[in-house]
Amino acid sequence: MENMKTLADQIREELVKPAANKQSPTAPKASGTAKLKEKQVRPKEQPSEILTALAGFDTSRHKSMVHVRFDEKTVRTLNQFKMATGVDVTRLVSFAVRELLENRPEIKSIIKQFIQNSDL
């Protein structure tokens, strides 16, 4: 009876044994925790070009406020972006609007046409 051990007792004994006795020098370590540590350790990636531009975008002189409405999914995405990168939502939206106006000249031409028509 004394030689009979429960599975829990055997596991406890294995855990108490020092790691050197538990592992032979020729056997590679195939522990799940080692795999977890390997996955967690990632080399630092260089920030992408857009993140660098967002971080350098200066909003300190911006005094005007605009109230905008977004759908829930977009708000969730914006908030997750803020948590992931540390870039404020106001800075992101301001940067995005400026990029839109600079890269889509037809928007400016629509505004110019409206101004010309309203002057007549």
PDB file of N, CA and C in Angstrom:
ATOM      1  N   MET A   1       0.809  -1.192   0.000  1.00  0.00           N
ATOM      2  CA  MET A   1       0.000   0.000   0.000  1.00  0.00           C
ATOM      3  C   MET A   1       0.853   1.257   0.000  1.00  0.00           C
ATOM      4  N   GLU A   2       1.968   1.149   0.652  1.00  0.00           N
ATOM      5  CA  GLU A   2       2.823   2.313   0.776  1.00  0.00           C
ATOM      6  C   GLU A   2       3.376   2.743  -0.580  1.00  0.00           C
ATOM      7  N   ASN A   3       3.566   1.806  -1.492  1.00  0.00           N
ATOM      8  CA  ASN A   3       4.117   2.108  -2.804  1.00  0.00           C
ATOM      9  C   ASN A   3       3.080   2.706  -3.748  1.00  0.00           C
ATOM     10  N   MET A   4       1.839   2.585  -3.401  1.00  0.00           N
ATOM     11  CA  MET A   4       0.780   3.124  -4.255  1.00  0.00           C
ATOM     12  C   MET A   4       0.668   4.634  -4.015  1.00  0.00           C
ATOM     13  N   LYS A   5       0.754   5.369  -5.084  1.00  0.00           N
ATOM     14  CA  LYS A   5       0.670   6.820  -4.992  1.00  0.00           C
ATOM     15  C   LYS A   5      -0.400   7.316  -5.954  1.00  0.00           C
ATOM     16  N   THR A   6      -0.999   8.374  -5.573  1.00  0.00           N
ATOM     17  CA  THR A   6      -1.961   8.975  -6.486  1.00  0.00           C
ATOM     18  C   THR A   6      -1.205   9.770  -7.539  1.00  0.00           C
ATOM     19  N   LEU A   7      -1.882  10.058  -8.583  1.00  0.00           N
ATOM     20  CA  LEU A   7      -1.284  10.850  -9.653  1.00  0.00           C
ATOM     21  C   LEU A   7      -0.872  12.227  -9.130  1.00  0.00           C
ATOM     22  N   ALA A   8      -1.674  12.799  -8.264  1.00  0.00           N
ATOM     23  CA  ALA A   8      -1.351  14.107  -7.689  1.00  0.00           C
ATOM     24  C   ALA A   8      -0.059  14.043  -6.885  1.00  0.00           C
ATOM     25  N   ASP A   9       0.148  12.962  -6.112  1.00  0.00           N
ATOM     26  CA  ASP A   9       1.382  12.815  -5.343  1.00  0.00           C
ATOM     27  C   ASP A   9       2.588  12.722  -6.268  1.00  0.00           C
ATOM     28  N   GLN A  10       2.444  11.985  -7.362  1.00  0.00           N
ATOM     29  CA  GLN A  10       3.549  11.844  -8.311  1.00  0.00           C
ATOM     30  C   GLN A  10       3.898  13.191  -8.950  1.00  0.00           C
ATOM     31  N   ILE A  11       2.882  13.947  -9.287  1.00  0.00           N
ATOM     32  CA  ILE A  11       3.128  15.262  -9.894  1.00  0.00           C
ATOM     33  C   ILE A  11       3.805  16.192  -8.901  1.00  0.00           C
ATOM     34  N   ARG A  12       3.359  16.161  -7.656  1.00  0.00           N
ATOM     35  CA  ARG A  12       3.978  16.998  -6.624  1.00  0.00           C
ATOM     36  C   ARG A  12       5.457  16.671  -6.468  1.00  0.00           C
ATOM     37  N   GLU A  13       5.784  15.376  -6.473  1.00  0.00           N
ATOM     38  CA  GLU A  13       7.184  14.973  -6.344  1.00  0.00           C
ATOM     39  C   GLU A  13       8.004  15.452  -7.537  1.00  0.00           C
ATOM     40  N   GLU A  14       7.425  15.378  -8.724  1.00  0.00           N
ATOM     41  CA  GLU A  14       8.136  15.829  -9.917  1.00  0.00           C
ATOM     42  C   GLU A  14       8.400  17.334  -9.858  1.00  0.00           C
ATOM     43  N   LEU A  15       7.448  18.071  -9.330  1.00  0.00           N
ATOM     44  CA  LEU A  15       7.620  19.517  -9.230  1.00  0.00           C
ATOM     45  C   LEU A  15       8.653  19.903  -8.185  1.00  0.00           C
ATOM     46  N   VAL A  16       8.755  19.106  -7.134  1.00  0.00           N
ATOM     47  CA  VAL A  16       9.695  19.408  -6.059  1.00  0.00           C
ATOM     48  C   VAL A  16      11.121  19.098  -6.466  1.00  0.00           C
ATOM     49  N   LYS A  17      11.321  18.103  -7.317  1.00  0.00           N
ATOM     50  CA  LYS A  17      12.673  17.731  -7.748  1.00  0.00           C
ATOM     51  C   LYS A  17      13.340  18.913  -8.439  1.00  0.00           C
ATOM     52  N   PRO A  18      14.628  19.073  -8.253  1.00  0.00           N
ATOM     53  CA  PRO A  18      15.333  20.153  -8.947  1.00  0.00           C
ATOM     54  C   PRO A  18      15.300  19.934 -10.457  1.00  0.00           C
ATOM     55  N   ALA A  19      15.400  20.997 -11.183  1.00  0.00           N
ATOM     56  CA  ALA A  19      15.325  20.943 -12.639  1.00  0.00           C
ATOM     57  C   ALA A  19      16.460  20.120 -13.235  1.00  0.00           C
ATOM     58  N   ALA A  20      17.613  20.099 -12.599  1.00  0.00           N
ATOM     59  CA  ALA A  20      18.757  19.344 -13.121  1.00  0.00           C
ATOM     60  C   ALA A  20      18.479  17.847 -13.095  1.00  0.00           C
ATOM     61  N   ASN A  21      17.858  17.360 -12.042  1.00  0.00           N
ATOM     62  CA  ASN A  21      17.544  15.939 -11.955  1.00  0.00           C
ATOM     63  C   ASN A  21      16.410  15.571 -12.892  1.00  0.00           C
ATOM     64  N   LYS A  22      15.568  16.478 -13.146  1.00  0.00           N
ATOM     65  CA  LYS A  22      14.381  16.212 -13.947  1.00  0.00           C
ATOM     66  C   LYS A  22      14.711  16.095 -15.429  1.00  0.00           C
ATOM     67  N   GLN A  23      15.745  16.781 -15.876  1.00  0.00           N
ATOM     68  CA  GLN A  23      16.050  16.838 -17.283  1.00  0.00           C
ATOM     69  C   GLN A  23      17.407  16.213 -17.560  1.00  0.00           C
ATOM     70  N   SER A  24      17.463  15.352 -18.548  1.00  0.00           N
ATOM     71  CA  SER A  24      18.754  14.792 -18.929  1.00  0.00           C
ATOM     72  C   SER A  24      19.456  15.788 -19.847  1.00  0.00           C
ATOM     73  N   PRO A  25      20.799  15.774 -19.872  1.00  0.00           N
ATOM     74  CA  PRO A  25      21.516  16.759 -20.681  1.00  0.00           C
ATOM     75  C   PRO A  25      21.251  16.612 -22.170  1.00  0.00           C
ATOM     76  N   THR A  26      20.885  15.429 -22.648  1.00  0.00           N
ATOM     77  CA  THR A  26      20.663  15.239 -24.075  1.00  0.00           C
ATOM     78  C   THR A  26      19.241  15.576 -24.485  1.00  0.00           C
ATOM     79  N   ALA A  27      18.315  15.600 -23.550  1.00  0.00           N
ATOM     80  CA  ALA A  27      16.919  15.859 -23.893  1.00  0.00           C
ATOM     81  C   ALA A  27      16.681  17.364 -23.993  1.00  0.00           C
ATOM     82  N   PRO A  28      16.128  17.807 -25.119  1.00  0.00           N
ATOM     83  CA  PRO A  28      15.829  19.236 -25.241  1.00  0.00           C
ATOM     84  C   PRO A  28      14.593  19.588 -24.423  1.00  0.00           C
ATOM     85  N   LYS A  29      14.547  20.809 -23.978  1.00  0.00           N
ATOM     86  CA  LYS A  29      13.413  21.255 -23.170  1.00  0.00           C
ATOM     87  C   LYS A  29      12.239  21.556 -24.098  1.00  0.00           C
ATOM     88  N   ALA A  30      11.136  20.896 -23.860  1.00  0.00           N
ATOM     89  CA  ALA A  30       9.947  21.083 -24.680  1.00  0.00           C
ATOM     90  C   ALA A  30       8.800  21.569 -23.815  1.00  0.00           C
ATOM     91  N   SER A  31       9.104  22.454 -22.958  1.00  0.00           N
ATOM     92  CA  SER A  31       8.113  22.963 -22.019  1.00  0.00           C
ATOM     93  C   SER A  31       7.214  23.981 -22.694  1.00  0.00           C
ATOM     94  N   GLY A  32       5.964  24.022 -22.288  1.00  0.00           N
ATOM     95  CA  GLY A  32       5.020  24.982 -22.820  1.00  0.00           C
ATOM     96  C   GLY A  32       5.349  26.394 -22.399  1.00  0.00           C
ATOM     97  N   THR A  33       5.930  26.551 -21.210  1.00  0.00           N
ATOM     98  CA  THR A  33       6.264  27.898 -20.743  1.00  0.00           C
ATOM     99  C   THR A  33       7.408  28.489 -21.545  1.00  0.00           C
ATOM    100  N   ALA A  34       8.324  27.654 -21.995  1.00  0.00           N
ATOM    101  CA  ALA A  34       9.423  28.158 -22.813  1.00  0.00           C
ATOM    102  C   ALA A  34       8.882  28.683 -24.138  1.00  0.00           C
ATOM    103  N   LYS A  35       7.897  27.991 -24.692  1.00  0.00           N
ATOM    104  CA  LYS A  35       7.292  28.444 -25.937  1.00  0.00           C
ATOM    105  C   LYS A  35       6.567  29.761 -25.721  1.00  0.00           C
ATOM    106  N   LEU A  36       5.902  29.906 -24.594  1.00  0.00           N
ATOM    107  CA  LEU A  36       5.212  31.154 -24.282  1.00  0.00           C
ATOM    108  C   LEU A  36       6.187  32.313 -24.186  1.00  0.00           C
ATOM    109  N   LYS A  37       7.324  32.076 -23.524  1.00  0.00           N
ATOM    110  CA  LYS A  37       8.315  33.134 -23.371  1.00  0.00           C
ATOM    111  C   LYS A  37       8.883  33.534 -24.721  1.00  0.00           C
ATOM    112  N   GLU A  38       9.073  32.552 -25.616  1.00  0.00           N
ATOM    113  CA  GLU A  38       9.589  32.859 -26.938  1.00  0.00           C
ATOM    114  C   GLU A  38       8.603  33.726 -27.707  1.00  0.00           C
ATOM    115  N   LYS A  39       7.319  33.455 -27.569  1.00  0.00           N
ATOM    116  CA  LYS A  39       6.315  34.231 -28.278  1.00  0.00           C
ATOM    117  C   LYS A  39       6.212  35.640 -27.714  1.00  0.00           C
ATOM    118  N   GLN A  40       6.395  35.783 -26.413  1.00  0.00           N
ATOM    119  CA  GLN A  40       6.248  37.085 -25.787  1.00  0.00           C
ATOM    120  C   GLN A  40       7.413  38.008 -26.105  1.00  0.00           C
ATOM    121  N   VAL A  41       8.576  37.463 -26.321  1.00  0.00           N
ATOM    122  CA  VAL A  41       9.751  38.283 -26.591  1.00  0.00           C
ATOM    123  C   VAL A  41       9.798  38.549 -28.086  1.00  0.00           C
ATOM    124  N   ARG A  42       9.456  39.780 -28.455  1.00  0.00           N
ATOM    125  CA  ARG A  42       9.500  40.175 -29.857  1.00  0.00           C
ATOM    126  C   ARG A  42      10.452  41.350 -29.992  1.00  0.00           C
ATOM    127  N   PRO A  43      11.193  41.370 -31.075  1.00  0.00           N
ATOM    128  CA  PRO A  43      12.063  42.528 -31.263  1.00  0.00           C
ATOM    129  C   PRO A  43      11.214  43.771 -31.497  1.00  0.00           C
ATOM    130  N   LYS A  44      11.713  44.906 -31.012  1.00  0.00           N
ATOM    131  CA  LYS A  44      10.983  46.163 -31.184  1.00  0.00           C
ATOM    132  C   LYS A  44      10.951  46.513 -32.660  1.00  0.00           C
ATOM    133  N   GLU A  45       9.747  46.771 -33.141  1.00  0.00           N
ATOM    134  CA  GLU A  45       9.594  47.162 -34.531  1.00  0.00           C
ATOM    135  C   GLU A  45       9.739  48.671 -34.640  1.00  0.00           C
ATOM    136  N   GLN A  46      10.278  49.108 -35.748  1.00  0.00           N
ATOM    137  CA  GLN A  46      10.364  50.539 -36.000  1.00  0.00           C
ATOM    138  C   GLN A  46       8.949  51.054 -36.260  1.00  0.00           C
ATOM    139  N   PRO A  47       8.609  52.228 -35.730  1.00  0.00           N
ATOM    140  CA  PRO A  47       7.268  52.759 -35.978  1.00  0.00           C
ATOM    141  C   PRO A  47       7.069  52.997 -37.471  1.00  0.00           C
ATOM    142  N   SER A  48       5.867  52.720 -37.929  1.00  0.00           N
ATOM    143  CA  SER A  48       5.589  52.896 -39.346  1.00  0.00           C
ATOM    144  C   SER A  48       5.609  54.378 -39.704  1.00  0.00           C
ATOM    145  N   GLU A  49       5.630  54.640 -40.973  1.00  0.00           N
ATOM    146  CA  GLU A  49       5.715  56.017 -41.464  1.00  0.00           C
ATOM    147  C   GLU A  49       4.507  56.834 -41.012  1.00  0.00           C
ATOM    148  N   ILE A  50       3.336  56.223 -41.043  1.00  0.00           N
ATOM    149  CA  ILE A  50       2.123  56.949 -40.661  1.00  0.00           C
ATOM    150  C   ILE A  50       2.125  57.269 -39.168  1.00  0.00           C
ATOM    151  N   LEU A  51       2.606  56.350 -38.339  1.00  0.00           N
ATOM    152  CA  LEU A  51       2.666  56.618 -36.898  1.00  0.00           C
ATOM    153  C   LEU A  51       3.671  57.716 -36.582  1.00  0.00           C
ATOM    154  N   THR A  52       4.762  57.738 -37.307  1.00  0.00           N
ATOM    155  CA  THR A  52       5.750  58.794 -37.122  1.00  0.00           C
ATOM    156  C   THR A  52       5.162  60.146 -37.519  1.00  0.00           C
ATOM    157  N   ALA A  53       4.420  60.167 -38.626  1.00  0.00           N
ATOM    158  CA  ALA A  53       3.789  61.411 -39.070  1.00  0.00           C
ATOM    159  C   ALA A  53       2.723  61.864 -38.077  1.00  0.00           C
ATOM    160  N   LEU A  54       1.955  60.917 -37.544  1.00  0.00           N
ATOM    161  CA  LEU A  54       0.928  61.256 -36.550  1.00  0.00           C
ATOM    162  C   LEU A  54       1.548  61.805 -35.277  1.00  0.00           C
ATOM    163  N   ALA A  55       2.626  61.199 -34.836  1.00  0.00           N
ATOM    164  CA  ALA A  55       3.278  61.650 -33.610  1.00  0.00           C
ATOM    165  C   ALA A  55       3.876  63.043 -33.791  1.00  0.00           C
ATOM    166  N   GLY A  56       4.323  63.355 -34.991  1.00  0.00           N
ATOM    167  CA  GLY A  56       4.920  64.654 -35.257  1.00  0.00           C
ATOM    168  C   GLY A  56       3.919  65.731 -35.629  1.00  0.00           C
ATOM    169  N   PHE A  57       2.660  65.365 -35.783  1.00  0.00           N
ATOM    170  CA  PHE A  57       1.626  66.328 -36.174  1.00  0.00           C
ATOM    171  C   PHE A  57       1.312  67.240 -34.999  1.00  0.00           C
ATOM    172  N   ASP A  58       1.510  68.539 -35.189  1.00  0.00           N
ATOM    173  CA  ASP A  58       1.350  69.509 -34.100  1.00  0.00           C
ATOM    174  C   ASP A  58      -0.075  70.053 -34.082  1.00  0.00           C
ATOM    175  N   THR A  59      -0.762  69.858 -32.977  1.00  0.00           N
ATOM    176  CA  THR A  59      -2.119  70.388 -32.817  1.00  0.00           C
ATOM    177  C   THR A  59      -2.171  71.482 -31.757  1.00  0.00           C
ATOM    178  N   SER A  60      -1.030  71.977 -31.337  1.00  0.00           N
ATOM    179  CA  SER A  60      -1.007  72.958 -30.243  1.00  0.00           C
ATOM    180  C   SER A  60      -1.638  74.293 -30.640  1.00  0.00           C
ATOM    181  N   ARG A  61      -1.572  74.657 -31.895  1.00  0.00           N
ATOM    182  CA  ARG A  61      -2.150  75.928 -32.349  1.00  0.00           C
ATOM    183  C   ARG A  61      -3.609  75.796 -32.774  1.00  0.00           C
ATOM    184  N   HIS A  62      -4.127  74.612 -32.770  1.00  0.00           N
ATOM    185  CA  HIS A  62      -5.507  74.403 -33.206  1.00  0.00           C
ATOM    186  C   HIS A  62      -6.455  74.833 -32.097  1.00  0.00           C
ATOM    187  N   LYS A  63      -7.214  75.880 -32.357  1.00  0.00           N
ATOM    188  CA  LYS A  63      -8.120  76.418 -31.341  1.00  0.00           C
ATOM    189  C   LYS A  63      -9.585  76.095 -31.629  1.00  0.00           C
ATOM    190  N   SER A  64      -9.931  75.873 -32.880  1.00  0.00           N
ATOM    191  CA  SER A  64     -11.328  75.631 -33.249  1.00  0.00           C
ATOM    192  C   SER A  64     -11.723  74.196 -32.956  1.00  0.00           C
ATOM    193  N   MET A  65     -12.961  74.052 -32.511  1.00  0.00           N
ATOM    194  CA  MET A  65     -13.483  72.716 -32.198  1.00  0.00           C
ATOM    195  C   MET A  65     -14.627  72.392 -33.157  1.00  0.00           C
ATOM    196  N   VAL A  66     -14.716  71.150 -33.559  1.00  0.00           N
ATOM    197  CA  VAL A  66     -15.797  70.668 -34.408  1.00  0.00           C
ATOM    198  C   VAL A  66     -16.354  69.419 -33.760  1.00  0.00           C
ATOM    199  N   HIS A  67     -17.674  69.367 -33.669  1.00  0.00           N
ATOM    200  CA  HIS A  67     -18.318  68.191 -33.090  1.00  0.00           C
ATOM    201  C   HIS A  67     -18.667  67.245 -34.234  1.00  0.00           C
ATOM    202  N   VAL A  68     -18.142  66.046 -34.204  1.00  0.00           N
ATOM    203  CA  VAL A  68     -18.411  65.056 -35.247  1.00  0.00           C
ATOM    204  C   VAL A  68     -19.070  63.829 -34.641  1.00  0.00           C
ATOM    205  N   ARG A  69     -19.863  63.167 -35.440  1.00  0.00           N
ATOM    206  CA  ARG A  69     -20.531  61.945 -34.993  1.00  0.00           C
ATOM    207  C   ARG A  69     -19.981  60.761 -35.783  1.00  0.00           C
ATOM    208  N   PHE A  70     -19.692  59.694 -35.060  1.00  0.00           N
ATOM    209  CA  PHE A  70     -19.207  58.468 -35.672  1.00  0.00           C
ATOM    210  C   PHE A  70     -20.108  57.323 -35.249  1.00  0.00           C
ATOM    211  N   ASP A  71     -20.142  56.288 -36.073  1.00  0.00           N
ATOM    212  CA  ASP A  71     -20.861  55.081 -35.672  1.00  0.00           C
ATOM    213  C   ASP A  71     -20.068  54.369 -34.578  1.00  0.00           C
ATOM    214  N   GLU A  72     -20.723  53.460 -33.883  1.00  0.00           N
ATOM    215  CA  GLU A  72     -20.105  52.798 -32.725  1.00  0.00           C
ATOM    216  C   GLU A  72     -18.836  52.041 -33.093  1.00  0.00           C
ATOM    217  N   LYS A  73     -18.858  51.384 -34.248  1.00  0.00           N
ATOM    218  CA  LYS A  73     -17.692  50.589 -34.653  1.00  0.00           C
ATOM    219  C   LYS A  73     -16.467  51.485 -34.872  1.00  0.00           C
ATOM    220  N   THR A  74     -16.686  52.639 -35.494  1.00  0.00           N
ATOM    221  CA  THR A  74     -15.581  53.566 -35.733  1.00  0.00           C
ATOM    222  C   THR A  74     -15.047  54.124 -34.424  1.00  0.00           C
ATOM    223  N   VAL A  75     -15.948  54.458 -33.503  1.00  0.00           N
ATOM    224  CA  VAL A  75     -15.521  54.973 -32.194  1.00  0.00           C
ATOM    225  C   VAL A  75     -14.700  53.928 -31.464  1.00  0.00           C
ATOM    226  N   ARG A  76     -15.149  52.685 -31.506  1.00  0.00           N
ATOM    227  CA  ARG A  76     -14.415  51.600 -30.853  1.00  0.00           C
ATOM    228  C   ARG A  76     -13.027  51.458 -31.474  1.00  0.00           C
ATOM    229  N   THR A  77     -12.969  51.526 -32.799  1.00  0.00           N
ATOM    230  CA  THR A  77     -11.685  51.413 -33.492  1.00  0.00           C
ATOM    231  C   THR A  77     -10.761  52.576 -33.133  1.00  0.00           C
ATOM    232  N   LEU A  78     -11.308  53.787 -33.082  1.00  0.00           N
ATOM    233  CA  LEU A  78     -10.497  54.952 -32.717  1.00  0.00           C
ATOM    234  C   LEU A  78      -9.958  54.824 -31.298  1.00  0.00           C
ATOM    235  N   ASN A  79     -10.790  54.367 -30.382  1.00  0.00           N
ATOM    236  CA  ASN A  79     -10.342  54.202 -28.996  1.00  0.00           C
ATOM    237  C   ASN A  79      -9.298  53.098 -28.870  1.00  0.00           C
ATOM    238  N   GLN A  80      -9.467  52.024 -29.626  1.00  0.00           N
ATOM    239  CA  GLN A  80      -8.472  50.951 -29.607  1.00  0.00           C
ATOM    240  C   GLN A  80      -7.157  51.427 -30.217  1.00  0.00           C
ATOM    241  N   PHE A  81      -7.253  52.260 -31.255  1.00  0.00           N
ATOM    242  CA  PHE A  81      -6.042  52.828 -31.854  1.00  0.00           C
ATOM    243  C   PHE A  81      -5.307  53.688 -30.838  1.00  0.00           C
ATOM    244  N   LYS A  82      -6.072  54.465 -30.067  1.00  0.00           N
ATOM    245  CA  LYS A  82      -5.459  55.310 -29.036  1.00  0.00           C
ATOM    246  C   LYS A  82      -4.742  54.458 -27.996  1.00  0.00           C
ATOM    247  N   MET A  83      -5.378  53.362 -27.565  1.00  0.00           N
ATOM    248  CA  MET A  83      -4.750  52.493 -26.571  1.00  0.00           C
ATOM    249  C   MET A  83      -3.516  51.799 -27.132  1.00  0.00           C
ATOM    250  N   ALA A  84      -3.566  51.437 -28.411  1.00  0.00           N
ATOM    251  CA  ALA A  84      -2.456  50.699 -29.016  1.00  0.00           C
ATOM    252  C   ALA A  84      -1.252  51.589 -29.304  1.00  0.00           C
ATOM    253  N   THR A  85      -1.500  52.849 -29.657  1.00  0.00           N
ATOM    254  CA  THR A  85      -0.398  53.703 -30.099  1.00  0.00           C
ATOM    255  C   THR A  85      -0.123  54.889 -29.187  1.00  0.00           C
ATOM    256  N   GLY A  86      -1.096  55.274 -28.393  1.00  0.00           N
ATOM    257  CA  GLY A  86      -0.940  56.451 -27.545  1.00  0.00           C
ATOM    258  C   GLY A  86      -1.235  57.750 -28.269  1.00  0.00           C
ATOM    259  N   VAL A  87      -1.698  57.666 -29.518  1.00  0.00           N
ATOM    260  CA  VAL A  87      -2.041  58.855 -30.297  1.00  0.00           C
ATOM    261  C   VAL A  87      -3.479  59.239 -29.971  1.00  0.00           C
ATOM    262  N   ASP A  88      -3.679  60.492 -29.565  1.00  0.00           N
ATOM    263  CA  ASP A  88      -4.995  60.979 -29.186  1.00  0.00           C
ATOM    264  C   ASP A  88      -5.943  60.971 -30.388  1.00  0.00           C
ATOM    265  N   VAL A  89      -7.221  60.719 -30.128  1.00  0.00           N
ATOM    266  CA  VAL A  89      -8.223  60.647 -31.190  1.00  0.00           C
ATOM    267  C   VAL A  89      -8.342  61.994 -31.903  1.00  0.00           C
ATOM    268  N   THR A  90      -8.274  63.084 -31.165  1.00  0.00           N
ATOM    269  CA  THR A  90      -8.359  64.417 -31.775  1.00  0.00           C
ATOM    270  C   THR A  90      -7.220  64.632 -32.762  1.00  0.00           C
ATOM    271  N   ARG A  91      -6.034  64.222 -32.391  1.00  0.00           N
ATOM    272  CA  ARG A  91      -4.873  64.352 -33.276  1.00  0.00           C
ATOM    273  C   ARG A  91      -5.057  63.483 -34.520  1.00  0.00           C
ATOM    274  N   LEU A  92      -5.550  62.268 -34.337  1.00  0.00           N
ATOM    275  CA  LEU A  92      -5.760  61.360 -35.465  1.00  0.00           C
ATOM    276  C   LEU A  92      -6.780  61.926 -36.443  1.00  0.00           C
ATOM    277  N   VAL A  93      -7.909  62.415 -35.933  1.00  0.00           N
ATOM    278  CA  VAL A  93      -8.958  62.944 -36.808  1.00  0.00           C
ATOM    279  C   VAL A  93      -8.473  64.206 -37.514  1.00  0.00           C
ATOM    280  N   SER A  94      -7.795  65.081 -36.809  1.00  0.00           N
ATOM    281  CA  SER A  94      -7.269  66.304 -37.414  1.00  0.00           C
ATOM    282  C   SER A  94      -6.274  65.975 -38.522  1.00  0.00           C
ATOM    283  N   PHE A  95      -5.398  65.023 -38.247  1.00  0.00           N
ATOM    284  CA  PHE A  95      -4.415  64.588 -39.240  1.00  0.00           C
ATOM    285  C   PHE A  95      -5.115  63.976 -40.454  1.00  0.00           C
ATOM    286  N   ALA A  96      -6.117  63.151 -40.211  1.00  0.00           N
ATOM    287  CA  ALA A  96      -6.820  62.473 -41.302  1.00  0.00           C
ATOM    288  C   ALA A  96      -7.548  63.467 -42.202  1.00  0.00           C
ATOM    289  N   VAL A  97      -8.182  64.476 -41.608  1.00  0.00           N
ATOM    290  CA  VAL A  97      -8.891  65.478 -42.406  1.00  0.00           C
ATOM    291  C   VAL A  97      -7.902  66.293 -43.227  1.00  0.00           C
ATOM    292  N   ARG A  98      -6.794  66.677 -42.622  1.00  0.00           N
ATOM    293  CA  ARG A  98      -5.790  67.444 -43.368  1.00  0.00           C
ATOM    294  C   ARG A  98      -5.253  66.613 -44.546  1.00  0.00           C
ATOM    295  N   GLU A  99      -4.952  65.344 -44.300  1.00  0.00           N
ATOM    296  CA  GLU A  99      -4.469  64.469 -45.377  1.00  0.00           C
ATOM    297  C   GLU A  99      -5.519  64.329 -46.476  1.00  0.00           C
ATOM    298  N   LEU A 100      -6.782  64.207 -46.098  1.00  0.00           N
ATOM    299  CA  LEU A 100      -7.863  64.087 -47.078  1.00  0.00           C
ATOM    300  C   LEU A 100      -7.934  65.338 -47.946  1.00  0.00           C
ATOM    301  N   LEU A 101      -7.875  66.498 -47.325  1.00  0.00           N
ATOM    302  CA  LEU A 101      -7.954  67.746 -48.084  1.00  0.00           C
ATOM    303  C   LEU A 101      -6.732  67.954 -48.975  1.00  0.00           C
ATOM    304  N   GLU A 102      -5.571  67.536 -48.533  1.00  0.00           N
ATOM    305  CA  GLU A 102      -4.360  67.701 -49.338  1.00  0.00           C
ATOM    306  C   GLU A 102      -4.295  66.706 -50.493  1.00  0.00           C
ATOM    307  N   ASN A 103      -4.801  65.506 -50.288  1.00  0.00           N
ATOM    308  CA  ASN A 103      -4.674  64.460 -51.302  1.00  0.00           C
ATOM    309  C   ASN A 103      -5.860  64.379 -52.252  1.00  0.00           C
ATOM    310  N   ARG A 104      -6.936  65.083 -51.963  1.00  0.00           N
ATOM    311  CA  ARG A 104      -8.116  65.065 -52.826  1.00  0.00           C
ATOM    312  C   ARG A 104      -8.443  66.494 -53.257  1.00  0.00           C
ATOM    313  N   PRO A 105      -7.804  66.989 -54.297  1.00  0.00           N
ATOM    314  CA  PRO A 105      -8.000  68.389 -54.703  1.00  0.00           C
ATOM    315  C   PRO A 105      -9.431  68.695 -55.147  1.00  0.00           C
ATOM    316  N   GLU A 106     -10.199  67.692 -55.511  1.00  0.00           N
ATOM    317  CA  GLU A 106     -11.579  67.952 -55.941  1.00  0.00           C
ATOM    318  C   GLU A 106     -12.428  68.518 -54.802  1.00  0.00           C
ATOM    319  N   ILE A 107     -12.066  68.216 -53.567  1.00  0.00           N
ATOM    320  CA  ILE A 107     -12.797  68.776 -52.423  1.00  0.00           C
ATOM    321  C   ILE A 107     -12.579  70.282 -52.368  1.00  0.00           C
ATOM    322  N   LYS A 108     -11.353  70.711 -52.564  1.00  0.00           N
ATOM    323  CA  LYS A 108     -11.066  72.148 -52.568  1.00  0.00           C
ATOM    324  C   LYS A 108     -11.749  72.846 -53.739  1.00  0.00           C
ATOM    325  N   SER A 109     -11.802  72.180 -54.891  1.00  0.00           N
ATOM    326  CA  SER A 109     -12.454  72.808 -56.050  1.00  0.00           C
ATOM    327  C   SER A 109     -13.959  72.950 -55.819  1.00  0.00           C
ATOM    328  N   ILE A 110     -14.578  72.019 -55.122  1.00  0.00           N
ATOM    329  CA  ILE A 110     -16.001  72.138 -54.783  1.00  0.00           C
ATOM    330  C   ILE A 110     -16.220  73.357 -53.890  1.00  0.00           C
ATOM    331  N   ILE A 111     -15.338  73.555 -52.930  1.00  0.00           N
ATOM    332  CA  ILE A 111     -15.442  74.701 -52.021  1.00  0.00           C
ATOM    333  C   ILE A 111     -15.240  76.001 -52.794  1.00  0.00           C
ATOM    334  N   LYS A 112     -14.257  76.042 -53.704  1.00  0.00           N
ATOM    335  CA  LYS A 112     -14.007  77.242 -54.501  1.00  0.00           C
ATOM    336  C   LYS A 112     -15.206  77.581 -55.377  1.00  0.00           C
ATOM    337  N   GLN A 113     -15.814  76.575 -55.989  1.00  0.00           N
ATOM    338  CA  GLN A 113     -16.997  76.804 -56.820  1.00  0.00           C
ATOM    339  C   GLN A 113     -18.145  77.363 -55.989  1.00  0.00           C
ATOM    340  N   PHE A 114     -18.321  76.853 -54.792  1.00  0.00           N
ATOM    341  CA  PHE A 114     -19.377  77.351 -53.920  1.00  0.00           C
ATOM    342  C   PHE A 114     -19.140  78.813 -53.563  1.00  0.00           C
ATOM    343  N   ILE A 115     -17.897  79.155 -53.249  1.00  0.00           N
ATOM    344  CA  ILE A 115     -17.572  80.543 -52.891  1.00  0.00           C
ATOM    345  C   ILE A 115     -17.807  81.470 -54.083  1.00  0.00           C
ATOM    346  N   GLN A 116     -17.417  81.044 -55.276  1.00  0.00           N
ATOM    347  CA  GLN A 116     -17.615  81.866 -56.472  1.00  0.00           C
ATOM    348  C   GLN A 116     -19.101  82.047 -56.767  1.00  0.00           C
ATOM    349  N   ASN A 117     -19.885  80.996 -56.605  1.00  0.00           N
ATOM    350  CA  ASN A 117     -21.320  81.080 -56.881  1.00  0.00           C
ATOM    351  C   ASN A 117     -22.045  81.909 -55.831  1.00  0.00           C
ATOM    352  N   SER A 118     -21.567  81.884 -54.608  1.00  0.00           N
ATOM    353  CA  SER A 118     -22.240  82.645 -53.558  1.00  0.00           C
ATOM    354  C   SER A 118     -21.923  84.134 -53.656  1.00  0.00           C
ATOM    355  N   ASP A 119     -20.817  84.507 -54.306  1.00  0.00           N
ATOM    356  CA  ASP A 119     -20.456  85.911 -54.483  1.00  0.00           C
ATOM    357  C   ASP A 119     -21.306  86.578 -55.557  1.00  0.00           C
ATOM    358  N   LEU A 120     -21.829  85.810 -56.490  1.00  0.00           N
ATOM    359  CA  LEU A 120     -22.611  86.389 -57.589  1.00  0.00           C
ATOM    360  C   LEU A 120     -23.894  86.851 -57.054  1.00  0.00           C
TER     361      LEU A 120
END
